[in-house]
Amino acid sequence: MDDLEATLIFMRVTVNTIQQ
C-alpha cells in the first residue's frame, strides 16, 4: 500500500466518521 492509497482510505474513514 502506497502513501496515496493510505491517504484515500484515511480520508474515507474520516468522512464516514463525521457523517455518523
N, C-alpha and C. Protein backbone atom coordinates (compact mmCIF):
# COMPACT_ATOMS: atom_id res chain seq x y z
N MET A 1 0.85 -1.21 0.00
CA MET A 1 0.00 0.00 0.00
C MET A 1 0.88 1.25 0.00
N ASP A 2 0.67 2.09 -0.97
CA ASP A 2 1.48 3.31 -1.05
C ASP A 2 0.82 4.44 -0.28
N ASP A 3 1.51 5.56 -0.21
CA ASP A 3 1.02 6.68 0.60
C ASP A 3 -0.31 7.22 0.07
N LEU A 4 -0.44 7.25 -1.25
CA LEU A 4 -1.68 7.79 -1.82
C LEU A 4 -2.87 6.93 -1.44
N GLU A 5 -2.70 5.62 -1.56
CA GLU A 5 -3.80 4.72 -1.22
C GLU A 5 -4.15 4.84 0.26
N ALA A 6 -3.14 4.93 1.11
CA ALA A 6 -3.38 5.06 2.55
C ALA A 6 -4.11 6.37 2.85
N THR A 7 -3.74 7.43 2.14
CA THR A 7 -4.39 8.73 2.36
C THR A 7 -5.85 8.67 1.95
N LEU A 8 -6.13 8.04 0.82
CA LEU A 8 -7.52 7.95 0.36
C LEU A 8 -8.37 7.16 1.34
N ILE A 9 -7.82 6.07 1.87
CA ILE A 9 -8.55 5.27 2.85
C ILE A 9 -8.78 6.07 4.12
N PHE A 10 -7.74 6.79 4.56
CA PHE A 10 -7.87 7.60 5.77
C PHE A 10 -8.95 8.67 5.60
N MET A 11 -8.97 9.30 4.44
CA MET A 11 -9.98 10.34 4.18
C MET A 11 -11.38 9.73 4.18
N ARG A 12 -11.51 8.54 3.60
CA ARG A 12 -12.81 7.87 3.54
C ARG A 12 -13.31 7.57 4.95
N VAL A 13 -12.43 7.04 5.79
CA VAL A 13 -12.82 6.72 7.17
C VAL A 13 -13.19 7.98 7.93
N THR A 14 -12.43 9.05 7.71
CA THR A 14 -12.71 10.32 8.41
C THR A 14 -14.08 10.86 8.00
N VAL A 15 -14.37 10.87 6.73
CA VAL A 15 -15.66 11.37 6.24
C VAL A 15 -16.79 10.53 6.80
N ASN A 16 -16.62 9.21 6.80
CA ASN A 16 -17.66 8.33 7.32
C ASN A 16 -17.90 8.61 8.79
N THR A 17 -16.84 8.87 9.54
CA THR A 17 -16.97 9.13 10.97
C THR A 17 -17.71 10.45 11.20
N ILE A 18 -17.40 11.46 10.42
CA ILE A 18 -18.04 12.77 10.58
C ILE A 18 -19.53 12.68 10.25
N GLN A 19 -19.87 11.89 9.24
CA GLN A 19 -21.27 11.82 8.80
C GLN A 19 -22.14 11.08 9.79
N GLN A 20 -21.58 10.25 10.64
CA GLN A 20 -22.39 9.45 11.57
C GLN A 20 -22.97 10.28 12.70
